[in-house]
């Protein structure tokens, strides 16, 4: 398992999809299922946070009076 801090959104989402498929298959023992479920919950939160960050960045993009795209720093 890759540390979340070292992941990008796509990697985290891919791992989350594998976890969901594994849990839906119903195979595996209870203890392992609980362990991967916990990992899935953490990955879901990570993905949600990344999407919120991206949404905030997109909201900072706007058009100026001449119709040109301008951006502002996220922390402005």
PDB file of N, CA and C in Angstrom:
ATOM      1  N   UNK A   1       0.823  -1.184   0.000  1.00  0.00           N
ATOM      2  CA  UNK A   1       0.000   0.000   0.000  1.00  0.00           C
ATOM      3  C   UNK A   1       0.869   1.249   0.000  1.00  0.00           C
ATOM      4  N   UNK A   2       0.521   2.167  -0.840  1.00  0.00           N
ATOM      5  CA  UNK A   2       1.231   3.431  -0.919  1.00  0.00           C
ATOM      6  C   UNK A   2       0.689   4.376   0.147  1.00  0.00           C
ATOM      7  N   UNK A   3       1.577   5.143   0.749  1.00  0.00           N
ATOM      8  CA  UNK A   3       1.150   6.158   1.708  1.00  0.00           C
ATOM      9  C   UNK A   3       0.300   7.189   0.983  1.00  0.00           C
ATOM     10  N   UNK A   4      -0.758   7.645   1.615  1.00  0.00           N
ATOM     11  CA  UNK A   4      -1.641   8.630   0.974  1.00  0.00           C
ATOM     12  C   UNK A   4      -0.905   9.901   0.599  1.00  0.00           C
ATOM     13  N   UNK A   5       0.009  10.349   1.434  1.00  0.00           N
ATOM     14  CA  UNK A   5       0.713  11.597   1.133  1.00  0.00           C
ATOM     15  C   UNK A   5       1.528  11.496  -0.156  1.00  0.00           C
ATOM     16  N   UNK A   6       1.854  10.276  -0.565  1.00  0.00           N
ATOM     17  CA  UNK A   6       2.627  10.062  -1.785  1.00  0.00           C
ATOM     18  C   UNK A   6       1.744   9.764  -2.991  1.00  0.00           C
ATOM     19  N   UNK A   7       0.422   9.810  -2.818  1.00  0.00           N
ATOM     20  CA  UNK A   7      -0.508   9.442  -3.878  1.00  0.00           C
ATOM     21  C   UNK A   7      -1.046  10.668  -4.602  1.00  0.00           C
ATOM     22  N   UNK A   8      -1.429  10.424  -5.841  1.00  0.00           N
ATOM     23  CA  UNK A   8      -2.234  11.428  -6.518  1.00  0.00           C
ATOM     24  C   UNK A   8      -3.672  10.916  -6.512  1.00  0.00           C
ATOM     25  N   UNK A   9      -4.589  11.741  -6.995  1.00  0.00           N
ATOM     26  CA  UNK A   9      -6.004  11.385  -6.968  1.00  0.00           C
ATOM     27  C   UNK A   9      -6.280  10.091  -7.727  1.00  0.00           C
ATOM     28  N   UNK A  10      -5.713   9.957  -8.910  1.00  0.00           N
ATOM     29  CA  UNK A  10      -6.003   8.805  -9.753  1.00  0.00           C
ATOM     30  C   UNK A  10      -5.536   7.499  -9.113  1.00  0.00           C
ATOM     31  N   UNK A  11      -4.378   7.517  -8.483  1.00  0.00           N
ATOM     32  CA  UNK A  11      -3.862   6.325  -7.806  1.00  0.00           C
ATOM     33  C   UNK A  11      -4.761   5.945  -6.636  1.00  0.00           C
ATOM     34  N   UNK A  12      -5.158   6.935  -5.854  1.00  0.00           N
ATOM     35  CA  UNK A  12      -6.032   6.678  -4.706  1.00  0.00           C
ATOM     36  C   UNK A  12      -7.378   6.144  -5.159  1.00  0.00           C
ATOM     37  N   UNK A  13      -7.937   6.726  -6.209  1.00  0.00           N
ATOM     38  CA  UNK A  13      -9.224   6.270  -6.715  1.00  0.00           C
ATOM     39  C   UNK A  13      -9.129   4.839  -7.243  1.00  0.00           C
ATOM     40  N   UNK A  14      -8.046   4.519  -7.922  1.00  0.00           N
ATOM     41  CA  UNK A  14      -7.851   3.159  -8.422  1.00  0.00           C
ATOM     42  C   UNK A  14      -7.788   2.146  -7.292  1.00  0.00           C
ATOM     43  N   UNK A  15      -7.059   2.487  -6.235  1.00  0.00           N
ATOM     44  CA  UNK A  15      -6.976   1.575  -5.090  1.00  0.00           C
ATOM     45  C   UNK A  15      -8.341   1.442  -4.418  1.00  0.00           C
ATOM     46  N   UNK A  16      -9.062   2.543  -4.319  1.00  0.00           N
ATOM     47  CA  UNK A  16     -10.393   2.511  -3.718  1.00  0.00           C
ATOM     48  C   UNK A  16     -11.335   1.620  -4.528  1.00  0.00           C
ATOM     49  N   UNK A  17     -11.256   1.696  -5.842  1.00  0.00           N
ATOM     50  CA  UNK A  17     -12.095   0.845  -6.690  1.00  0.00           C
ATOM     51  C   UNK A  17     -11.777  -0.635  -6.478  1.00  0.00           C
ATOM     52  N   UNK A  18     -10.501  -0.960  -6.315  1.00  0.00           N
ATOM     53  CA  UNK A  18     -10.111  -2.354  -6.053  1.00  0.00           C
ATOM     54  C   UNK A  18     -10.660  -2.829  -4.707  1.00  0.00           C
ATOM     55  N   UNK A  19     -10.614  -1.944  -3.712  1.00  0.00           N
ATOM     56  CA  UNK A  19     -11.131  -2.297  -2.391  1.00  0.00           C
ATOM     57  C   UNK A  19     -12.629  -2.566  -2.471  1.00  0.00           C
ATOM     58  N   UNK A  20     -13.355  -1.703  -3.158  1.00  0.00           N
ATOM     59  CA  UNK A  20     -14.798  -1.893  -3.295  1.00  0.00           C
ATOM     60  C   UNK A  20     -15.101  -3.228  -3.970  1.00  0.00           C
ATOM     61  N   UNK A  21     -14.392  -3.528  -5.043  1.00  0.00           N
ATOM     62  CA  UNK A  21     -14.607  -4.794  -5.748  1.00  0.00           C
ATOM     63  C   UNK A  21     -14.314  -5.978  -4.838  1.00  0.00           C
ATOM     64  N   UNK A  22     -13.253  -5.886  -4.065  1.00  0.00           N
ATOM     65  CA  UNK A  22     -12.885  -6.972  -3.167  1.00  0.00           C
ATOM     66  C   UNK A  22     -13.951  -7.167  -2.089  1.00  0.00           C
ATOM     67  N   UNK A  23     -14.439  -6.068  -1.527  1.00  0.00           N
ATOM     68  CA  UNK A  23     -15.473  -6.178  -0.499  1.00  0.00           C
ATOM     69  C   UNK A  23     -16.785  -6.700  -1.085  1.00  0.00           C
ATOM     70  N   UNK A  24     -17.127  -6.248  -2.289  1.00  0.00           N
ATOM     71  CA  UNK A  24     -18.361  -6.704  -2.922  1.00  0.00           C
ATOM     72  C   UNK A  24     -18.319  -8.191  -3.281  1.00  0.00           C
ATOM     73  N   UNK A  25     -17.117  -8.715  -3.511  1.00  0.00           N
ATOM     74  CA  UNK A  25     -17.003 -10.132  -3.868  1.00  0.00           C
ATOM     75  C   UNK A  25     -17.359 -11.031  -2.688  1.00  0.00           C
ATOM     76  N   UNK A  26     -17.243 -10.501  -1.481  1.00  0.00           N
ATOM     77  CA  UNK A  26     -17.576 -11.285  -0.299  1.00  0.00           C
ATOM     78  C   UNK A  26     -16.545 -12.320   0.066  1.00  0.00           C
ATOM     79  N   UNK A  27     -15.423 -12.306  -0.632  1.00  0.00           N
ATOM     80  CA  UNK A  27     -14.378 -13.278  -0.333  1.00  0.00           C
ATOM     81  C   UNK A  27     -13.387 -12.664   0.636  1.00  0.00           C
ATOM     82  N   UNK A  28     -12.793 -13.471   1.421  1.00  0.00           N
ATOM     83  CA  UNK A  28     -11.830 -12.997   2.410  1.00  0.00           C
ATOM     84  C   UNK A  28     -12.419 -13.101   3.793  1.00  0.00           C
ATOM     85  N   UNK A  29     -11.538 -13.147   4.757  1.00  0.00           N
ATOM     86  CA  UNK A  29     -12.018 -13.283   6.127  1.00  0.00           C
ATOM     87  C   UNK A  29     -12.462 -11.930   6.692  1.00  0.00           C
ATOM     88  N   UNK A  30     -13.170 -12.007   7.795  1.00  0.00           N
ATOM     89  CA  UNK A  30     -13.744 -10.813   8.411  1.00  0.00           C
ATOM     90  C   UNK A  30     -12.680  -9.802   8.805  1.00  0.00           C
ATOM     91  N   UNK A  31     -11.610 -10.276   9.421  1.00  0.00           N
ATOM     92  CA  UNK A  31     -10.567  -9.358   9.892  1.00  0.00           C
ATOM     93  C   UNK A  31      -9.939  -8.579   8.734  1.00  0.00           C
ATOM     94  N   UNK A  32      -9.640  -9.263   7.640  1.00  0.00           N
ATOM     95  CA  UNK A  32      -9.068  -8.599   6.473  1.00  0.00           C
ATOM     96  C   UNK A  32     -10.075  -7.633   5.853  1.00  0.00           C
ATOM     97  N   UNK A  33     -11.341  -8.021   5.818  1.00  0.00           N
ATOM     98  CA  UNK A  33     -12.384  -7.154   5.263  1.00  0.00           C
ATOM     99  C   UNK A  33     -12.490  -5.860   6.057  1.00  0.00           C
ATOM    100  N   UNK A  34     -12.400  -5.960   7.360  1.00  0.00           N
ATOM    101  CA  UNK A  34     -12.446  -4.764   8.209  1.00  0.00           C
ATOM    102  C   UNK A  34     -11.234  -3.884   7.933  1.00  0.00           C
ATOM    103  N   UNK A  35     -10.085  -4.503   7.808  1.00  0.00           N
ATOM    104  CA  UNK A  35      -8.846  -3.753   7.544  1.00  0.00           C
ATOM    105  C   UNK A  35      -8.927  -2.995   6.221  1.00  0.00           C
ATOM    106  N   UNK A  36      -9.367  -3.678   5.160  1.00  0.00           N
ATOM    107  CA  UNK A  36      -9.420  -2.985   3.874  1.00  0.00           C
ATOM    108  C   UNK A  36     -10.570  -1.980   3.830  1.00  0.00           C
ATOM    109  N   UNK A  37     -11.637  -2.227   4.590  1.00  0.00           N
ATOM    110  CA  UNK A  37     -12.727  -1.251   4.679  1.00  0.00           C
ATOM    111  C   UNK A  37     -12.202   0.050   5.290  1.00  0.00           C
ATOM    112  N   UNK A  38     -11.417  -0.080   6.362  1.00  0.00           N
ATOM    113  CA  UNK A  38     -10.831   1.104   7.001  1.00  0.00           C
ATOM    114  C   UNK A  38      -9.947   1.864   6.016  1.00  0.00           C
ATOM    115  N   UNK A  39      -9.164   1.127   5.245  1.00  0.00           N
ATOM    116  CA  UNK A  39      -8.319   1.758   4.225  1.00  0.00           C
ATOM    117  C   UNK A  39      -9.195   2.473   3.192  1.00  0.00           C
ATOM    118  N   UNK A  40     -10.290   1.836   2.807  1.00  0.00           N
ATOM    119  CA  UNK A  40     -11.207   2.442   1.849  1.00  0.00           C
ATOM    120  C   UNK A  40     -11.808   3.735   2.349  1.00  0.00           C
ATOM    121  N   UNK A  41     -12.174   3.769   3.621  1.00  0.00           N
ATOM    122  CA  UNK A  41     -12.727   4.989   4.212  1.00  0.00           C
ATOM    123  C   UNK A  41     -11.688   6.118   4.155  1.00  0.00           C
ATOM    124  N   UNK A  42     -10.454   5.803   4.488  1.00  0.00           N
ATOM    125  CA  UNK A  42      -9.391   6.810   4.455  1.00  0.00           C
ATOM    126  C   UNK A  42      -9.150   7.293   3.020  1.00  0.00           C
ATOM    127  N   UNK A  43      -9.172   6.372   2.059  1.00  0.00           N
ATOM    128  CA  UNK A  43      -8.967   6.761   0.664  1.00  0.00           C
ATOM    129  C   UNK A  43     -10.122   7.605   0.145  1.00  0.00           C
ATOM    130  N   UNK A  44     -11.332   7.276   0.550  1.00  0.00           N
ATOM    131  CA  UNK A  44     -12.492   8.076   0.135  1.00  0.00           C
ATOM    132  C   UNK A  44     -12.352   9.518   0.627  1.00  0.00           C
ATOM    133  N   UNK A  45     -11.945   9.682   1.874  1.00  0.00           N
ATOM    134  CA  UNK A  45     -11.751  11.033   2.414  1.00  0.00           C
ATOM    135  C   UNK A  45     -10.635  11.756   1.659  1.00  0.00           C
ATOM    136  N   UNK A  46      -9.552  11.054   1.379  1.00  0.00           N
ATOM    137  CA  UNK A  46      -8.438  11.632   0.629  1.00  0.00           C
ATOM    138  C   UNK A  46      -8.924  12.124  -0.734  1.00  0.00           C
ATOM    139  N   UNK A  47      -9.698  11.291  -1.436  1.00  0.00           N
ATOM    140  CA  UNK A  47     -10.206  11.668  -2.758  1.00  0.00           C
ATOM    141  C   UNK A  47     -11.159  12.857  -2.660  1.00  0.00           C
ATOM    142  N   UNK A  48     -12.029  12.859  -1.658  1.00  0.00           N
ATOM    143  CA  UNK A  48     -12.943  13.988  -1.477  1.00  0.00           C
ATOM    144  C   UNK A  48     -12.167  15.282  -1.241  1.00  0.00           C
ATOM    145  N   UNK A  49     -11.139  15.209  -0.413  1.00  0.00           N
ATOM    146  CA  UNK A  49     -10.323  16.402  -0.139  1.00  0.00           C
ATOM    147  C   UNK A  49      -9.632  16.903  -1.399  1.00  0.00           C
ATOM    148  N   UNK A  50      -9.092  15.987  -2.201  1.00  0.00           N
ATOM    149  CA  UNK A  50      -8.439  16.375  -3.458  1.00  0.00           C
ATOM    150  C   UNK A  50      -9.436  17.034  -4.405  1.00  0.00           C
ATOM    151  N   UNK A  51     -10.647  16.501  -4.483  1.00  0.00           N
ATOM    152  CA  UNK A  51     -11.668  17.098  -5.349  1.00  0.00           C
ATOM    153  C   UNK A  51     -12.061  18.490  -4.861  1.00  0.00           C
ATOM    154  N   UNK A  52     -12.157  18.665  -3.557  1.00  0.00           N
ATOM    155  CA  UNK A  52     -12.484  19.987  -2.999  1.00  0.00           C
ATOM    156  C   UNK A  52     -11.379  20.990  -3.321  1.00  0.00           C
ATOM    157  N   UNK A  53     -10.119  20.552  -3.226  1.00  0.00           N
ATOM    158  CA  UNK A  53      -8.996  21.421  -3.578  1.00  0.00           C
ATOM    159  C   UNK A  53      -9.071  21.833  -5.042  1.00  0.00           C
ATOM    160  N   UNK A  54      -9.351  20.872  -5.906  1.00  0.00           N
ATOM    161  CA  UNK A  54      -9.436  21.166  -7.340  1.00  0.00           C
ATOM    162  C   UNK A  54     -10.593  22.115  -7.626  1.00  0.00           C
ATOM    163  N   UNK A  55     -11.708  21.897  -6.967  1.00  0.00           N
ATOM    164  CA  UNK A  55     -12.867  22.774  -7.158  1.00  0.00           C
ATOM    165  C   UNK A  55     -12.543  24.200  -6.734  1.00  0.00           C
ATOM    166  N   UNK A  56     -11.838  24.351  -5.613  1.00  0.00           N
ATOM    167  CA  UNK A  56     -11.461  25.682  -5.143  1.00  0.00           C
ATOM    168  C   UNK A  56     -10.530  26.369  -6.148  1.00  0.00           C
ATOM    169  N   UNK A  57      -9.620  25.622  -6.719  1.00  0.00           N
ATOM    170  CA  UNK A  57      -8.710  26.193  -7.724  1.00  0.00           C
ATOM    171  C   UNK A  57      -9.472  26.626  -8.968  1.00  0.00           C
ATOM    172  N   UNK A  58     -10.422  25.819  -9.393  1.00  0.00           N
ATOM    173  CA  UNK A  58     -11.213  26.151 -10.582  1.00  0.00           C
ATOM    174  C   UNK A  58     -12.037  27.406 -10.336  1.00  0.00           C
ATOM    175  N   UNK A  59     -12.580  27.548  -9.142  1.00  0.00           N
ATOM    176  CA  UNK A  59     -13.381  28.724  -8.827  1.00  0.00           C
ATOM    177  C   UNK A  59     -12.559  30.008  -8.867  1.00  0.00           C
ATOM    178  N   UNK A  60     -11.266  29.909  -8.712  1.00  0.00           N
ATOM    179  CA  UNK A  60     -10.395  31.086  -8.751  1.00  0.00           C
ATOM    180  C   UNK A  60     -10.126  31.553 -10.175  1.00  0.00           C
ATOM    181  N   UNK A  61     -10.440  30.721 -11.155  1.00  0.00           N
ATOM    182  CA  UNK A  61     -10.233  31.099 -12.553  1.00  0.00           C
ATOM    183  C   UNK A  61     -11.425  31.930 -13.003  1.00  0.00           C
ATOM    184  N   UNK A  62     -11.164  33.056 -13.594  1.00  0.00           N
ATOM    185  CA  UNK A  62     -12.245  33.923 -14.055  1.00  0.00           C
ATOM    186  C   UNK A  62     -11.823  34.648 -15.320  1.00  0.00           C
ATOM    187  N   UNK A  63     -12.751  35.373 -15.910  1.00  0.00           N
ATOM    188  CA  UNK A  63     -12.457  36.171 -17.099  1.00  0.00           C
ATOM    189  C   UNK A  63     -12.348  37.636 -16.700  1.00  0.00           C
ATOM    190  N   UNK A  64     -11.378  38.339 -17.313  1.00  0.00           N
ATOM    191  CA  UNK A  64     -11.282  39.775 -17.067  1.00  0.00           C
ATOM    192  C   UNK A  64     -12.221  40.509 -18.017  1.00  0.00           C
ATOM    193  N   UNK A  65     -12.235  41.819 -17.975  1.00  0.00           N
ATOM    194  CA  UNK A  65     -13.124  42.631 -18.797  1.00  0.00           C
ATOM    195  C   UNK A  65     -12.951  42.408 -20.284  1.00  0.00           C
ATOM    196  N   UNK A  66     -11.774  42.035 -20.742  1.00  0.00           N
ATOM    197  CA  UNK A  66     -11.505  41.817 -22.164  1.00  0.00           C
ATOM    198  C   UNK A  66     -11.782  40.368 -22.581  1.00  0.00           C
ATOM    199  N   UNK A  67     -12.336  39.574 -21.667  1.00  0.00           N
ATOM    200  CA  UNK A  67     -12.639  38.189 -21.991  1.00  0.00           C
ATOM    201  C   UNK A  67     -11.442  37.264 -21.912  1.00  0.00           C
ATOM    202  N   UNK A  68     -10.360  37.745 -21.319  1.00  0.00           N
ATOM    203  CA  UNK A  68      -9.155  36.908 -21.167  1.00  0.00           C
ATOM    204  C   UNK A  68      -9.228  36.175 -19.826  1.00  0.00           C
ATOM    205  N   UNK A  69      -8.720  34.967 -19.846  1.00  0.00           N
ATOM    206  CA  UNK A  69      -8.692  34.178 -18.622  1.00  0.00           C
ATOM    207  C   UNK A  69      -7.634  34.747 -17.690  1.00  0.00           C
ATOM    208  N   UNK A  70      -8.039  34.940 -16.454  1.00  0.00           N
ATOM    209  CA  UNK A  70      -7.061  35.357 -15.439  1.00  0.00           C
ATOM    210  C   UNK A  70      -7.222  34.433 -14.252  1.00  0.00           C
ATOM    211  N   UNK A  71      -6.173  34.243 -13.547  1.00  0.00           N
ATOM    212  CA  UNK A  71      -6.227  33.394 -12.358  1.00  0.00           C
ATOM    213  C   UNK A  71      -5.735  34.175 -11.167  1.00  0.00           C
ATOM    214  N   UNK A  72      -6.197  33.781 -10.020  1.00  0.00           N
ATOM    215  CA  UNK A  72      -5.741  34.361  -8.772  1.00  0.00           C
ATOM    216  C   UNK A  72      -5.077  33.258  -7.961  1.00  0.00           C
ATOM    217  N   UNK A  73      -4.120  33.609  -7.143  1.00  0.00           N
ATOM    218  CA  UNK A  73      -3.560  32.583  -6.255  1.00  0.00           C
ATOM    219  C   UNK A  73      -4.659  32.031  -5.357  1.00  0.00           C
ATOM    220  N   UNK A  74      -4.617  30.768  -5.072  1.00  0.00           N
ATOM    221  CA  UNK A  74      -5.635  30.113  -4.273  1.00  0.00           C
ATOM    222  C   UNK A  74      -5.751  30.755  -2.891  1.00  0.00           C
ATOM    223  N   UNK A  75      -4.644  31.200  -2.348  1.00  0.00           N
ATOM    224  CA  UNK A  75      -4.661  31.741  -0.991  1.00  0.00           C
ATOM    225  C   UNK A  75      -4.921  33.250  -0.951  1.00  0.00           C
ATOM    226  N   UNK A  76      -5.303  33.847  -2.065  1.00  0.00           N
ATOM    227  CA  UNK A  76      -5.546  35.292  -2.106  1.00  0.00           C
ATOM    228  C   UNK A  76      -6.830  35.651  -1.406  1.00  0.00           C
TER     229      UNK A  76
END
